[in-house]
Structures are given as C-alpha cells and as structure tokens.
Amino acid sequence: VDLKGNVTAGTVVDSREVINPTTYNFFLNSHHSDKGTSRPTHYHVLYDDNKLKSEQVQMLTYA
C-alpha cells in the first residue's frame, strides 16, 4: 500500500480464498492513482489457445 492508501500498481490477487476457485480469474491493480482511488479489475480468462500458465497471463495483462 502506498502513502495514499492505494494498492501498488501491478498487484495481483489470485488466492482461492478471494476468487472463484472453479474458474480461471484474478484481480489486478494495473494503474497508479494520485488520489487514493485506484481499484483493481477482476479479469476472467474465457479461453486460452496458448495454454499459458496463470502467471504468464497475469504478466501479459499488466505489460
């Protein structure tokens, strides 16, 4: 968490306690905010032709 109370940009949450464990999904805070208003986005992977590992999809999404 930064000084404004935001989660650091690039933070990923894919813990089974937080997300739906039966689907391929994760939360990613992909941007920085100066006013304490950044909100993570909930991503759902519908189909993966390339058979990427979850870490690869998360890194590609943030890149």
PDB file of N, CA and C in Angstrom:
ATOM      1  N   VAL A   1       0.856  -1.180   0.000  1.00  0.00           N
ATOM      2  CA  VAL A   1       0.000   0.000   0.000  1.00  0.00           C
ATOM      3  C   VAL A   1       0.895   1.234   0.000  1.00  0.00           C
ATOM      4  N   ASP A   2       0.552   2.204  -0.860  1.00  0.00           N
ATOM      5  CA  ASP A   2       1.360   3.421  -0.915  1.00  0.00           C
ATOM      6  C   ASP A   2       0.865   4.449   0.107  1.00  0.00           C
ATOM      7  N   LEU A   3       1.455   5.619   0.100  1.00  0.00           N
ATOM      8  CA  LEU A   3       1.116   6.652   1.088  1.00  0.00           C
ATOM      9  C   LEU A   3      -0.310   7.181   0.951  1.00  0.00           C
ATOM     10  N   LYS A   4      -0.917   7.040  -0.222  1.00  0.00           N
ATOM     11  CA  LYS A   4      -2.293   7.500  -0.451  1.00  0.00           C
ATOM     12  C   LYS A   4      -3.329   6.428  -0.102  1.00  0.00           C
ATOM     13  N   GLY A   5      -2.865   5.242   0.271  1.00  0.00           N
ATOM     14  CA  GLY A   5      -3.775   4.157   0.622  1.00  0.00           C
ATOM     15  C   GLY A   5      -4.116   3.243  -0.534  1.00  0.00           C
ATOM     16  N   ASN A   6      -3.440   3.427  -1.668  1.00  0.00           N
ATOM     17  CA  ASN A   6      -3.679   2.580  -2.833  1.00  0.00           C
ATOM     18  C   ASN A   6      -2.821   1.327  -2.781  1.00  0.00           C
ATOM     19  N   VAL A   7      -3.355   0.263  -3.334  1.00  0.00           N
ATOM     20  CA  VAL A   7      -2.555  -0.928  -3.558  1.00  0.00           C
ATOM     21  C   VAL A   7      -1.582  -0.597  -4.680  1.00  0.00           C
ATOM     22  N   THR A   8      -0.359  -1.085  -4.595  1.00  0.00           N
ATOM     23  CA  THR A   8       0.668  -0.803  -5.587  1.00  0.00           C
ATOM     24  C   THR A   8       0.256  -1.321  -6.966  1.00  0.00           C
ATOM     25  N   ALA A   9       0.519  -0.530  -8.007  1.00  0.00           N
ATOM     26  CA  ALA A   9       0.228  -0.957  -9.376  1.00  0.00           C
ATOM     27  C   ALA A   9       0.987  -2.242  -9.674  1.00  0.00           C
ATOM     28  N   GLY A  10       0.311  -3.190 -10.305  1.00  0.00           N
ATOM     29  CA  GLY A  10       0.917  -4.483 -10.613  1.00  0.00           C
ATOM     30  C   GLY A  10       0.580  -5.562  -9.610  1.00  0.00           C
ATOM     31  N   THR A  11      -0.131  -5.207  -8.548  1.00  0.00           N
ATOM     32  CA  THR A  11      -0.511  -6.190  -7.533  1.00  0.00           C
ATOM     33  C   THR A  11      -1.557  -7.144  -8.099  1.00  0.00           C
ATOM     34  N   VAL A  12      -1.328  -8.441  -7.937  1.00  0.00           N
ATOM     35  CA  VAL A  12      -2.250  -9.478  -8.399  1.00  0.00           C
ATOM     36  C   VAL A  12      -2.752 -10.245  -7.187  1.00  0.00           C
ATOM     37  N   VAL A  13      -4.055 -10.530  -7.179  1.00  0.00           N
ATOM     38  CA  VAL A  13      -4.647 -11.390  -6.151  1.00  0.00           C
ATOM     39  C   VAL A  13      -5.309 -12.550  -6.873  1.00  0.00           C
ATOM     40  N   ASP A  14      -4.789 -13.744  -6.637  1.00  0.00           N
ATOM     41  CA  ASP A  14      -5.387 -14.939  -7.230  1.00  0.00           C
ATOM     42  C   ASP A  14      -5.547 -16.049  -6.194  1.00  0.00           C
ATOM     43  N   SER A  15      -5.619 -15.654  -4.948  1.00  0.00           N
ATOM     44  CA  SER A  15      -5.796 -16.591  -3.847  1.00  0.00           C
ATOM     45  C   SER A  15      -7.180 -17.229  -3.927  1.00  0.00           C
ATOM     46  N   ARG A  16      -7.251 -18.503  -3.714  1.00  0.00           N
ATOM     47  CA  ARG A  16      -8.528 -19.232  -3.787  1.00  0.00           C
ATOM     48  C   ARG A  16      -9.529 -18.761  -2.735  1.00  0.00           C
ATOM     49  N   GLU A  17      -9.063 -18.081  -1.693  1.00  0.00           N
ATOM     50  CA  GLU A  17      -9.974 -17.553  -0.680  1.00  0.00           C
ATOM     51  C   GLU A  17     -10.693 -16.299  -1.177  1.00  0.00           C
ATOM     52  N   VAL A  18     -10.156 -15.655  -2.214  1.00  0.00           N
ATOM     53  CA  VAL A  18     -10.703 -14.387  -2.699  1.00  0.00           C
ATOM     54  C   VAL A  18     -11.454 -14.556  -4.012  1.00  0.00           C
ATOM     55  N   ILE A  19     -10.922 -15.369  -4.918  1.00  0.00           N
ATOM     56  CA  ILE A  19     -11.541 -15.536  -6.232  1.00  0.00           C
ATOM     57  C   ILE A  19     -12.372 -16.806  -6.271  1.00  0.00           C
ATOM     58  N   ASN A  20     -13.094 -16.999  -7.368  1.00  0.00           N
ATOM     59  CA  ASN A  20     -13.870 -18.217  -7.569  1.00  0.00           C
ATOM     60  C   ASN A  20     -12.904 -19.344  -7.936  1.00  0.00           C
ATOM     61  N   PRO A  21     -12.772 -20.373  -7.115  1.00  0.00           N
ATOM     62  CA  PRO A  21     -11.779 -21.418  -7.367  1.00  0.00           C
ATOM     63  C   PRO A  21     -12.119 -22.344  -8.535  1.00  0.00           C
ATOM     64  N   THR A  22     -13.322 -22.252  -9.080  1.00  0.00           N
ATOM     65  CA  THR A  22     -13.709 -23.150 -10.171  1.00  0.00           C
ATOM     66  C   THR A  22     -13.497 -22.540 -11.544  1.00  0.00           C
ATOM     67  N   THR A  23     -13.090 -21.267 -11.611  1.00  0.00           N
ATOM     68  CA  THR A  23     -12.857 -20.620 -12.900  1.00  0.00           C
ATOM     69  C   THR A  23     -11.471 -19.990 -12.928  1.00  0.00           C
ATOM     70  N   TYR A  24     -11.027 -19.611 -14.109  1.00  0.00           N
ATOM     71  CA  TYR A  24      -9.708 -19.015 -14.329  1.00  0.00           C
ATOM     72  C   TYR A  24      -9.884 -17.504 -14.246  1.00  0.00           C
ATOM     73  N   ASN A  25      -9.601 -16.916 -13.080  1.00  0.00           N
ATOM     74  CA  ASN A  25      -9.819 -15.487 -12.882  1.00  0.00           C
ATOM     75  C   ASN A  25      -8.848 -14.948 -11.843  1.00  0.00           C
ATOM     76  N   PHE A  26      -8.682 -13.612 -11.843  1.00  0.00           N
ATOM     77  CA  PHE A  26      -7.784 -12.957 -10.898  1.00  0.00           C
ATOM     78  C   PHE A  26      -8.108 -11.476 -10.845  1.00  0.00           C
ATOM     79  N   PHE A  27      -7.663 -10.824  -9.779  1.00  0.00           N
ATOM     80  CA  PHE A  27      -7.759  -9.373  -9.650  1.00  0.00           C
ATOM     81  C   PHE A  27      -6.385  -8.784  -9.923  1.00  0.00           C
ATOM     82  N   LEU A  28      -6.353  -7.661 -10.656  1.00  0.00           N
ATOM     83  CA  LEU A  28      -5.100  -6.980 -10.960  1.00  0.00           C
ATOM     84  C   LEU A  28      -5.305  -5.486 -10.817  1.00  0.00           C
ATOM     85  N   ASN A  29      -4.467  -4.854 -10.013  1.00  0.00           N
ATOM     86  CA  ASN A  29      -4.458  -3.393  -9.934  1.00  0.00           C
ATOM     87  C   ASN A  29      -3.414  -2.922 -10.939  1.00  0.00           C
ATOM     88  N   SER A  30      -3.866  -2.478 -12.093  1.00  0.00           N
ATOM     89  CA  SER A  30      -2.954  -2.226 -13.203  1.00  0.00           C
ATOM     90  C   SER A  30      -2.547  -0.772 -13.360  1.00  0.00           C
ATOM     91  N   HIS A  31      -2.979   0.093 -12.473  1.00  0.00           N
ATOM     92  CA  HIS A  31      -2.649   1.515 -12.639  1.00  0.00           C
ATOM     93  C   HIS A  31      -2.362   2.179 -11.295  1.00  0.00           C
ATOM     94  N   HIS A  32      -1.721   3.316 -11.383  1.00  0.00           N
ATOM     95  CA  HIS A  32      -1.389   4.136 -10.220  1.00  0.00           C
ATOM     96  C   HIS A  32      -2.407   5.269 -10.124  1.00  0.00           C
ATOM     97  N   SER A  33      -2.739   5.678  -8.930  1.00  0.00           N
ATOM     98  CA  SER A  33      -3.649   6.806  -8.735  1.00  0.00           C
ATOM     99  C   SER A  33      -3.051   7.748  -7.702  1.00  0.00           C
ATOM    100  N   ASP A  34      -3.204   9.037  -7.941  1.00  0.00           N
ATOM    101  CA  ASP A  34      -2.667  10.038  -7.016  1.00  0.00           C
ATOM    102  C   ASP A  34      -3.622  10.388  -5.879  1.00  0.00           C
ATOM    103  N   LYS A  35      -4.898  10.013  -5.994  1.00  0.00           N
ATOM    104  CA  LYS A  35      -5.893  10.461  -5.022  1.00  0.00           C
ATOM    105  C   LYS A  35      -6.454   9.357  -4.131  1.00  0.00           C
ATOM    106  N   GLY A  36      -5.879   8.204  -4.141  1.00  0.00           N
ATOM    107  CA  GLY A  36      -6.397   7.131  -3.292  1.00  0.00           C
ATOM    108  C   GLY A  36      -7.633   6.470  -3.846  1.00  0.00           C
ATOM    109  N   THR A  37      -7.778   6.494  -5.174  1.00  0.00           N
ATOM    110  CA  THR A  37      -8.995   5.973  -5.790  1.00  0.00           C
ATOM    111  C   THR A  37      -8.751   4.799  -6.724  1.00  0.00           C
ATOM    112  N   SER A  38      -7.572   4.210  -6.720  1.00  0.00           N
ATOM    113  CA  SER A  38      -7.328   3.090  -7.640  1.00  0.00           C
ATOM    114  C   SER A  38      -8.152   1.885  -7.204  1.00  0.00           C
ATOM    115  N   ARG A  39      -8.668   1.168  -8.205  1.00  0.00           N
ATOM    116  CA  ARG A  39      -9.484  -0.016  -7.936  1.00  0.00           C
ATOM    117  C   ARG A  39      -9.010  -1.161  -8.811  1.00  0.00           C
ATOM    118  N   PRO A  40      -8.833  -2.331  -8.248  1.00  0.00           N
ATOM    119  CA  PRO A  40      -8.408  -3.469  -9.064  1.00  0.00           C
ATOM    120  C   PRO A  40      -9.530  -3.928  -9.993  1.00  0.00           C
ATOM    121  N   THR A  41      -9.136  -4.525 -11.103  1.00  0.00           N
ATOM    122  CA  THR A  41     -10.079  -5.076 -12.075  1.00  0.00           C
ATOM    123  C   THR A  41     -10.121  -6.587 -11.904  1.00  0.00           C
ATOM    124  N   HIS A  42     -11.321  -7.152 -12.039  1.00  0.00           N
ATOM    125  CA  HIS A  42     -11.489  -8.598 -11.942  1.00  0.00           C
ATOM    126  C   HIS A  42     -11.451  -9.162 -13.360  1.00  0.00           C
ATOM    127  N   TYR A  43     -10.413  -9.917 -13.673  1.00  0.00           N
ATOM    128  CA  TYR A  43     -10.231 -10.494 -15.003  1.00  0.00           C
ATOM    129  C   TYR A  43     -10.697 -11.942 -15.008  1.00  0.00           C
ATOM    130  N   HIS A  44     -11.376 -12.329 -16.098  1.00  0.00           N
ATOM    131  CA  HIS A  44     -11.819 -13.705 -16.313  1.00  0.00           C
ATOM    132  C   HIS A  44     -11.210 -14.192 -17.623  1.00  0.00           C
ATOM    133  N   VAL A  45     -10.491 -15.293 -17.592  1.00  0.00           N
ATOM    134  CA  VAL A  45      -9.948 -15.885 -18.814  1.00  0.00           C
ATOM    135  C   VAL A  45     -10.989 -16.867 -19.334  1.00  0.00           C
ATOM    136  N   LEU A  46     -11.538 -16.558 -20.515  1.00  0.00           N
ATOM    137  CA  LEU A  46     -12.591 -17.402 -21.071  1.00  0.00           C
ATOM    138  C   LEU A  46     -12.036 -18.593 -21.840  1.00  0.00           C
ATOM    139  N   TYR A  47     -10.975 -18.343 -22.604  1.00  0.00           N
ATOM    140  CA  TYR A  47     -10.380 -19.415 -23.396  1.00  0.00           C
ATOM    141  C   TYR A  47      -8.910 -19.106 -23.609  1.00  0.00           C
ATOM    142  N   ASP A  48      -8.066 -20.095 -23.501  1.00  0.00           N
ATOM    143  CA  ASP A  48      -6.623 -19.894 -23.617  1.00  0.00           C
ATOM    144  C   ASP A  48      -6.055 -20.848 -24.663  1.00  0.00           C
ATOM    145  N   ASP A  49      -5.991 -20.393 -25.925  1.00  0.00           N
ATOM    146  CA  ASP A  49      -5.432 -21.203 -27.015  1.00  0.00           C
ATOM    147  C   ASP A  49      -3.969 -21.553 -26.788  1.00  0.00           C
ATOM    148  N   ASN A  50      -3.238 -20.674 -26.126  1.00  0.00           N
ATOM    149  CA  ASN A  50      -1.795 -20.840 -25.967  1.00  0.00           C
ATOM    150  C   ASN A  50      -1.398 -21.671 -24.758  1.00  0.00           C
ATOM    151  N   LYS A  51      -2.370 -22.041 -23.948  1.00  0.00           N
ATOM    152  CA  LYS A  51      -2.125 -22.849 -22.742  1.00  0.00           C
ATOM    153  C   LYS A  51      -1.055 -22.219 -21.847  1.00  0.00           C
ATOM    154  N   LEU A  52      -1.218 -20.928 -21.590  1.00  0.00           N
ATOM    155  CA  LEU A  52      -0.285 -20.189 -20.748  1.00  0.00           C
ATOM    156  C   LEU A  52      -0.516 -20.510 -19.275  1.00  0.00           C
ATOM    157  N   LYS A  53       0.535 -20.413 -18.489  1.00  0.00           N
ATOM    158  CA  LYS A  53       0.405 -20.531 -17.039  1.00  0.00           C
ATOM    159  C   LYS A  53      -0.271 -19.265 -16.526  1.00  0.00           C
ATOM    160  N   SER A  54      -0.904 -19.351 -15.370  1.00  0.00           N
ATOM    161  CA  SER A  54      -1.619 -18.191 -14.833  1.00  0.00           C
ATOM    162  C   SER A  54      -0.693 -16.997 -14.638  1.00  0.00           C
ATOM    163  N   GLU A  55       0.542 -17.241 -14.204  1.00  0.00           N
ATOM    164  CA  GLU A  55       1.494 -16.140 -14.015  1.00  0.00           C
ATOM    165  C   GLU A  55       1.809 -15.444 -15.334  1.00  0.00           C
ATOM    166  N   GLN A  56       1.871 -16.205 -16.427  1.00  0.00           N
ATOM    167  CA  GLN A  56       2.146 -15.622 -17.738  1.00  0.00           C
ATOM    168  C   GLN A  56       0.989 -14.740 -18.198  1.00  0.00           C
ATOM    169  N   VAL A  57      -0.235 -15.191 -17.981  1.00  0.00           N
ATOM    170  CA  VAL A  57      -1.406 -14.392 -18.356  1.00  0.00           C
ATOM    171  C   VAL A  57      -1.437 -13.104 -17.542  1.00  0.00           C
ATOM    172  N   GLN A  58      -1.154 -13.197 -16.259  1.00  0.00           N
ATOM    173  CA  GLN A  58      -1.158 -12.012 -15.401  1.00  0.00           C
ATOM    174  C   GLN A  58      -0.082 -11.022 -15.820  1.00  0.00           C
ATOM    175  N   MET A  59       1.109 -11.508 -16.130  1.00  0.00           N
ATOM    176  CA  MET A  59       2.189 -10.618 -16.569  1.00  0.00           C
ATOM    177  C   MET A  59       1.856  -9.972 -17.910  1.00  0.00           C
ATOM    178  N   LEU A  60       1.287 -10.731 -18.832  1.00  0.00           N
ATOM    179  CA  LEU A  60       0.906 -10.196 -20.135  1.00  0.00           C
ATOM    180  C   LEU A  60      -0.189  -9.149 -19.994  1.00  0.00           C
ATOM    181  N   THR A  61      -1.120  -9.370 -19.093  1.00  0.00           N
ATOM    182  CA  THR A  61      -2.204  -8.419 -18.863  1.00  0.00           C
ATOM    183  C   THR A  61      -1.676  -7.108 -18.305  1.00  0.00           C
ATOM    184  N   TYR A  62      -0.686  -7.179 -17.440  1.00  0.00           N
ATOM    185  CA  TYR A  62      -0.127  -5.975 -16.829  1.00  0.00           C
ATOM    186  C   TYR A  62       0.874  -5.263 -17.732  1.00  0.00           C
ATOM    187  N   ALA A  63       1.483  -5.977 -18.662  1.00  0.00           N
ATOM    188  CA  ALA A  63       2.542  -5.406 -19.516  1.00  0.00           C
ATOM    189  C   ALA A  63       2.073  -4.291 -20.339  1.00  0.00           C
TER     190      ALA A  63
END
